[in-house]
Amino acid sequence: MGSFSVGCSVENVAHRDRQVSIAKALVGTGSEYTWLPHDVLSRIGIRREKKDVQFVMANGRTVTRAVGFAIIRIGENFTVDEVVFAEPGDLALLGARTLGGLSLVVDPRRKKLVAAGPIPAA
């Protein structure tokens, strides 16, 4: 598929006026969760709701990070999701759960996100 990045915005669920733009986040369909810099999340007041969550990195190493709740927007699409408080050296990336919530899928030929279409109800 190749990799590509997109811009997004992140909002505090409880205080919608507290938001920030992320210029580049890697589209990471191999990751369940979205990872965003901890200083960015803290700056807009997103709290660490789950602490000491373990993740297995692509290189096989296990790391522990905190997780909070945020609204993530790309264009007109938005969703509420759990986000990982990324530490220095971690990538900012949009995970599969967020992409599903946004109803977006990867177009691998054009290296962009496109509408997933109608959401199955049953």
N, C-alpha and C. Protein backbone atom coordinates (compact mmCIF):
# COMPACT_ATOMS: atom_id res chain seq x y z
N MET A 1 0.83 -1.19 0.00
CA MET A 1 0.00 0.00 0.00
C MET A 1 0.86 1.24 0.00
N GLY A 2 1.97 1.26 0.70
CA GLY A 2 2.73 2.49 0.87
C GLY A 2 2.12 3.29 2.00
N SER A 3 2.88 4.21 2.52
CA SER A 3 2.36 5.01 3.62
C SER A 3 2.09 6.44 3.18
N PHE A 4 1.19 7.08 3.89
CA PHE A 4 0.91 8.49 3.65
C PHE A 4 0.36 9.11 4.92
N SER A 5 0.41 10.42 4.97
CA SER A 5 -0.06 11.15 6.14
C SER A 5 -1.20 12.07 5.76
N VAL A 6 -2.02 12.41 6.76
CA VAL A 6 -3.12 13.35 6.57
C VAL A 6 -3.14 14.32 7.74
N GLY A 7 -3.79 15.44 7.54
CA GLY A 7 -4.02 16.39 8.62
C GLY A 7 -5.35 16.09 9.29
N CYS A 8 -5.45 16.44 10.55
CA CYS A 8 -6.70 16.24 11.27
C CYS A 8 -6.78 17.28 12.38
N SER A 9 -7.92 17.36 13.02
CA SER A 9 -8.03 18.19 14.22
C SER A 9 -8.53 17.32 15.35
N VAL A 10 -8.18 17.72 16.56
CA VAL A 10 -8.52 16.97 17.75
C VAL A 10 -9.20 17.92 18.72
N GLU A 11 -10.33 17.49 19.29
CA GLU A 11 -11.09 18.31 20.23
C GLU A 11 -11.25 17.60 21.56
N ASN A 12 -11.35 18.38 22.61
CA ASN A 12 -11.69 17.88 23.92
C ASN A 12 -13.19 17.55 23.91
N VAL A 13 -13.56 16.35 24.33
CA VAL A 13 -14.96 15.92 24.30
C VAL A 13 -15.84 16.79 25.20
N ALA A 14 -15.34 17.17 26.36
CA ALA A 14 -16.12 17.95 27.33
C ALA A 14 -16.09 19.44 27.07
N HIS A 15 -15.05 19.93 26.42
CA HIS A 15 -14.87 21.36 26.16
C HIS A 15 -14.57 21.52 24.67
N ARG A 16 -15.62 21.55 23.85
CA ARG A 16 -15.48 21.49 22.40
C ARG A 16 -14.72 22.68 21.82
N ASP A 17 -14.61 23.77 22.57
CA ASP A 17 -13.86 24.93 22.07
C ASP A 17 -12.35 24.72 22.21
N ARG A 18 -11.93 23.69 22.90
CA ARG A 18 -10.51 23.38 23.08
C ARG A 18 -10.12 22.35 22.03
N GLN A 19 -9.45 22.85 20.99
CA GLN A 19 -9.06 21.97 19.89
C GLN A 19 -7.72 22.38 19.33
N VAL A 20 -7.12 21.49 18.57
CA VAL A 20 -5.82 21.74 17.96
C VAL A 20 -5.77 21.00 16.62
N SER A 21 -5.01 21.56 15.69
CA SER A 21 -4.79 20.91 14.40
C SER A 21 -3.50 20.11 14.44
N ILE A 22 -3.54 18.94 13.85
CA ILE A 22 -2.36 18.09 13.69
C ILE A 22 -2.04 18.13 12.20
N ALA A 23 -0.88 18.66 11.84
CA ALA A 23 -0.54 18.83 10.43
C ALA A 23 -0.36 17.50 9.71
N LYS A 24 0.29 16.55 10.36
CA LYS A 24 0.56 15.27 9.70
C LYS A 24 0.44 14.13 10.69
N ALA A 25 -0.45 13.21 10.40
CA ALA A 25 -0.56 11.96 11.15
C ALA A 25 -0.51 10.82 10.14
N LEU A 26 0.35 9.87 10.39
CA LEU A 26 0.49 8.72 9.50
C LEU A 26 -0.79 7.89 9.56
N VAL A 27 -1.29 7.48 8.40
CA VAL A 27 -2.45 6.60 8.36
C VAL A 27 -1.93 5.20 8.65
N GLY A 28 -2.30 4.67 9.81
CA GLY A 28 -1.73 3.41 10.29
C GLY A 28 -2.78 2.34 10.48
N THR A 29 -3.23 1.71 9.40
CA THR A 29 -4.30 0.71 9.51
C THR A 29 -3.85 -0.53 10.28
N GLY A 30 -2.56 -0.69 10.51
CA GLY A 30 -2.07 -1.81 11.30
C GLY A 30 -2.17 -1.56 12.80
N SER A 31 -2.54 -0.35 13.17
CA SER A 31 -2.69 0.01 14.58
C SER A 31 -4.18 0.14 14.90
N GLU A 32 -4.61 -0.44 16.00
CA GLU A 32 -6.00 -0.28 16.43
C GLU A 32 -6.27 1.17 16.84
N TYR A 33 -5.38 1.71 17.64
CA TYR A 33 -5.59 3.02 18.25
C TYR A 33 -4.92 4.15 17.47
N THR A 34 -5.42 5.36 17.69
CA THR A 34 -4.80 6.58 17.19
C THR A 34 -3.81 7.07 18.24
N TRP A 35 -2.63 7.46 17.80
CA TRP A 35 -1.57 7.95 18.68
C TRP A 35 -1.31 9.41 18.35
N LEU A 36 -1.37 10.26 19.37
CA LEU A 36 -1.11 11.68 19.20
C LEU A 36 -0.18 12.16 20.31
N PRO A 37 0.64 13.17 20.04
CA PRO A 37 1.62 13.63 21.04
C PRO A 37 0.97 14.00 22.36
N HIS A 38 1.56 13.52 23.44
CA HIS A 38 0.98 13.75 24.78
C HIS A 38 0.89 15.22 25.11
N ASP A 39 1.86 16.04 24.66
CA ASP A 39 1.80 17.47 24.97
C ASP A 39 0.63 18.15 24.28
N VAL A 40 0.28 17.70 23.07
CA VAL A 40 -0.86 18.26 22.34
C VAL A 40 -2.16 17.90 23.05
N LEU A 41 -2.30 16.65 23.43
CA LEU A 41 -3.51 16.21 24.11
C LEU A 41 -3.67 16.91 25.46
N SER A 42 -2.58 17.02 26.20
CA SER A 42 -2.63 17.70 27.51
C SER A 42 -2.97 19.17 27.36
N ARG A 43 -2.43 19.81 26.32
CA ARG A 43 -2.66 21.25 26.11
C ARG A 43 -4.13 21.58 25.94
N ILE A 44 -4.91 20.66 25.35
CA ILE A 44 -6.34 20.94 25.16
C ILE A 44 -7.18 20.27 26.25
N GLY A 45 -6.52 19.78 27.29
CA GLY A 45 -7.23 19.29 28.47
C GLY A 45 -7.76 17.87 28.39
N ILE A 46 -7.25 17.07 27.46
CA ILE A 46 -7.68 15.68 27.41
C ILE A 46 -6.99 14.93 28.55
N ARG A 47 -7.80 14.23 29.33
CA ARG A 47 -7.29 13.54 30.52
C ARG A 47 -6.87 12.12 30.20
N ARG A 48 -5.92 11.65 30.96
CA ARG A 48 -5.48 10.25 30.88
C ARG A 48 -6.49 9.41 31.65
N GLU A 49 -7.37 8.73 30.93
CA GLU A 49 -8.45 7.96 31.55
C GLU A 49 -8.00 6.55 31.89
N LYS A 50 -7.22 5.95 31.03
CA LYS A 50 -6.68 4.61 31.25
C LYS A 50 -5.17 4.74 31.33
N LYS A 51 -4.60 4.23 32.39
CA LYS A 51 -3.15 4.32 32.55
C LYS A 51 -2.55 2.93 32.40
N ASP A 52 -1.30 2.90 32.01
CA ASP A 52 -0.55 1.64 31.93
C ASP A 52 -1.17 0.62 30.97
N VAL A 53 -1.61 1.09 29.81
CA VAL A 53 -2.10 0.19 28.77
C VAL A 53 -0.89 -0.29 27.97
N GLN A 54 -0.81 -1.58 27.74
CA GLN A 54 0.34 -2.13 27.01
C GLN A 54 0.03 -2.27 25.53
N PHE A 55 1.04 -1.93 24.71
CA PHE A 55 0.94 -2.03 23.26
C PHE A 55 2.18 -2.74 22.73
N VAL A 56 2.00 -3.53 21.68
CA VAL A 56 3.12 -4.16 21.01
C VAL A 56 3.43 -3.34 19.77
N MET A 57 4.66 -2.84 19.70
CA MET A 57 5.08 -2.01 18.58
C MET A 57 5.41 -2.90 17.37
N ALA A 58 5.56 -2.28 16.20
CA ALA A 58 5.85 -3.02 14.97
C ALA A 58 7.15 -3.82 15.08
N ASN A 59 8.10 -3.34 15.89
CA ASN A 59 9.37 -4.04 16.04
C ASN A 59 9.31 -5.14 17.11
N GLY A 60 8.12 -5.39 17.68
CA GLY A 60 7.95 -6.44 18.66
C GLY A 60 8.11 -6.00 20.11
N ARG A 61 8.57 -4.78 20.32
CA ARG A 61 8.77 -4.25 21.67
C ARG A 61 7.43 -3.91 22.29
N THR A 62 7.27 -4.17 23.59
CA THR A 62 6.06 -3.81 24.32
C THR A 62 6.31 -2.49 25.05
N VAL A 63 5.36 -1.56 24.91
CA VAL A 63 5.45 -0.27 25.61
C VAL A 63 4.16 -0.04 26.39
N THR A 64 4.25 0.83 27.37
CA THR A 64 3.09 1.18 28.19
C THR A 64 2.78 2.65 27.98
N ARG A 65 1.52 2.96 27.70
CA ARG A 65 1.09 4.34 27.46
C ARG A 65 -0.26 4.57 28.13
N ALA A 66 -0.62 5.84 28.28
CA ALA A 66 -1.94 6.22 28.79
C ALA A 66 -2.87 6.46 27.60
N VAL A 67 -4.18 6.37 27.86
CA VAL A 67 -5.20 6.53 26.83
C VAL A 67 -6.27 7.49 27.35
N GLY A 68 -6.76 8.38 26.48
CA GLY A 68 -7.84 9.30 26.81
C GLY A 68 -8.88 9.30 25.71
N PHE A 69 -9.89 10.17 25.85
CA PHE A 69 -10.98 10.25 24.88
C PHE A 69 -10.94 11.59 24.16
N ALA A 70 -11.12 11.57 22.84
CA ALA A 70 -11.08 12.81 22.05
C ALA A 70 -12.02 12.71 20.86
N ILE A 71 -12.36 13.87 20.32
CA ILE A 71 -13.07 13.95 19.05
C ILE A 71 -12.01 14.19 17.98
N ILE A 72 -12.06 13.39 16.94
CA ILE A 72 -11.10 13.53 15.84
C ILE A 72 -11.87 13.87 14.59
N ARG A 73 -11.38 14.90 13.87
CA ARG A 73 -12.03 15.37 12.64
C ARG A 73 -11.06 15.33 11.47
N ILE A 74 -11.59 14.88 10.33
CA ILE A 74 -10.90 15.01 9.06
C ILE A 74 -11.96 15.52 8.09
N GLY A 75 -11.79 16.74 7.64
CA GLY A 75 -12.80 17.35 6.78
C GLY A 75 -14.13 17.43 7.50
N GLU A 76 -15.18 16.95 6.86
CA GLU A 76 -16.53 16.97 7.45
C GLU A 76 -16.79 15.76 8.35
N ASN A 77 -15.89 14.80 8.35
CA ASN A 77 -16.07 13.59 9.13
C ASN A 77 -15.51 13.77 10.53
N PHE A 78 -16.21 13.23 11.54
CA PHE A 78 -15.70 13.27 12.90
C PHE A 78 -16.18 12.06 13.68
N THR A 79 -15.44 11.73 14.73
CA THR A 79 -15.79 10.61 15.61
C THR A 79 -15.19 10.84 16.98
N VAL A 80 -15.75 10.19 17.98
CA VAL A 80 -15.17 10.16 19.32
C VAL A 80 -14.42 8.84 19.43
N ASP A 81 -13.19 8.90 19.92
CA ASP A 81 -12.41 7.67 20.03
C ASP A 81 -11.42 7.76 21.18
N GLU A 82 -10.87 6.59 21.52
CA GLU A 82 -9.78 6.54 22.47
C GLU A 82 -8.50 6.89 21.74
N VAL A 83 -7.66 7.72 22.37
CA VAL A 83 -6.39 8.11 21.76
C VAL A 83 -5.26 7.83 22.74
N VAL A 84 -4.14 7.40 22.19
CA VAL A 84 -2.96 7.09 22.99
C VAL A 84 -2.13 8.36 23.15
N PHE A 85 -1.66 8.60 24.37
CA PHE A 85 -0.75 9.71 24.66
C PHE A 85 0.65 9.30 24.21
N ALA A 86 1.00 9.66 22.97
CA ALA A 86 2.29 9.28 22.40
C ALA A 86 3.43 10.02 23.08
N GLU A 87 4.50 9.30 23.33
CA GLU A 87 5.69 9.86 23.96
C GLU A 87 6.68 10.28 22.87
N PRO A 88 7.69 11.10 23.22
CA PRO A 88 8.71 11.46 22.23
C PRO A 88 9.30 10.21 21.58
N GLY A 89 9.40 10.24 20.26
CA GLY A 89 9.89 9.09 19.51
C GLY A 89 8.77 8.24 18.92
N ASP A 90 7.56 8.35 19.48
CA ASP A 90 6.40 7.64 18.92
C ASP A 90 5.88 8.42 17.71
N LEU A 91 5.30 7.70 16.78
CA LEU A 91 4.69 8.35 15.62
C LEU A 91 3.30 8.87 15.97
N ALA A 92 2.91 9.98 15.35
CA ALA A 92 1.52 10.42 15.38
C ALA A 92 0.83 9.63 14.27
N LEU A 93 -0.19 8.86 14.64
CA LEU A 93 -0.86 8.08 13.59
C LEU A 93 -2.34 7.91 13.87
N LEU A 94 -3.07 7.72 12.78
CA LEU A 94 -4.52 7.46 12.84
C LEU A 94 -4.72 5.97 12.70
N GLY A 95 -5.31 5.37 13.73
CA GLY A 95 -5.51 3.93 13.74
C GLY A 95 -6.81 3.48 13.10
N ALA A 96 -6.95 2.18 13.00
CA ALA A 96 -8.09 1.56 12.32
C ALA A 96 -9.43 1.90 12.98
N ARG A 97 -9.46 1.96 14.32
CA ARG A 97 -10.73 2.28 14.99
C ARG A 97 -11.21 3.68 14.63
N THR A 98 -10.29 4.63 14.62
CA THR A 98 -10.66 6.00 14.27
C THR A 98 -11.13 6.08 12.82
N LEU A 99 -10.42 5.43 11.92
CA LEU A 99 -10.83 5.44 10.51
C LEU A 99 -12.21 4.84 10.35
N GLY A 100 -12.49 3.76 11.06
CA GLY A 100 -13.83 3.16 11.02
C GLY A 100 -14.88 4.12 11.53
N GLY A 101 -14.59 4.81 12.64
CA GLY A 101 -15.53 5.77 13.21
C GLY A 101 -15.77 6.96 12.29
N LEU A 102 -14.74 7.32 11.53
CA LEU A 102 -14.85 8.43 10.57
C LEU A 102 -15.55 8.00 9.28
N SER A 103 -15.82 6.69 9.13
CA SER A 103 -16.38 6.11 7.90
C SER A 103 -15.49 6.41 6.70
N LEU A 104 -14.17 6.26 6.93
CA LEU A 104 -13.20 6.46 5.86
C LEU A 104 -12.38 5.20 5.67
N VAL A 105 -11.99 4.92 4.44
CA VAL A 105 -11.11 3.80 4.11
C VAL A 105 -9.95 4.32 3.27
N VAL A 106 -8.92 3.51 3.19
CA VAL A 106 -7.72 3.87 2.43
C VAL A 106 -7.92 3.51 0.96
N ASP A 107 -7.64 4.48 0.08
CA ASP A 107 -7.55 4.21 -1.35
C ASP A 107 -6.05 4.05 -1.62
N PRO A 108 -5.56 2.80 -1.73
CA PRO A 108 -4.12 2.59 -1.82
C PRO A 108 -3.48 3.12 -3.10
N ARG A 109 -4.21 3.13 -4.18
CA ARG A 109 -3.64 3.64 -5.43
C ARG A 109 -3.40 5.14 -5.38
N ARG A 110 -4.37 5.87 -4.84
CA ARG A 110 -4.25 7.33 -4.78
C ARG A 110 -3.62 7.81 -3.47
N LYS A 111 -3.38 6.89 -2.54
CA LYS A 111 -2.80 7.21 -1.24
C LYS A 111 -3.57 8.35 -0.57
N LYS A 112 -4.87 8.09 -0.38
CA LYS A 112 -5.72 9.05 0.31
C LYS A 112 -6.87 8.33 0.98
N LEU A 113 -7.55 9.03 1.87
CA LEU A 113 -8.73 8.50 2.53
C LEU A 113 -9.96 8.87 1.73
N VAL A 114 -10.88 7.91 1.60
CA VAL A 114 -12.12 8.14 0.86
C VAL A 114 -13.30 7.63 1.70
N ALA A 115 -14.49 8.09 1.36
CA ALA A 115 -15.70 7.66 2.07
C ALA A 115 -15.89 6.16 1.96
N ALA A 116 -16.25 5.55 3.08
CA ALA A 116 -16.45 4.09 3.12
C ALA A 116 -17.80 3.68 2.56
N GLY A 117 -18.74 4.63 2.45
CA GLY A 117 -20.07 4.31 1.97
C GLY A 117 -21.00 4.07 3.14
N PRO A 118 -22.20 3.57 2.85
CA PRO A 118 -23.19 3.36 3.90
C PRO A 118 -22.67 2.41 4.98
N ILE A 119 -23.09 2.66 6.20
CA ILE A 119 -22.69 1.85 7.34
C ILE A 119 -23.65 0.67 7.47
N PRO A 120 -23.13 -0.57 7.48
CA PRO A 120 -24.03 -1.71 7.64
C PRO A 120 -24.77 -1.66 8.98
N ALA A 121 -26.05 -1.94 8.97
CA ALA A 121 -26.85 -1.86 10.19
C ALA A 121 -27.09 -3.23 10.80
N ALA A 122 -26.98 -4.27 10.04
CA ALA A 122 -27.25 -5.61 10.58
C ALA A 122 -26.38 -6.64 9.90
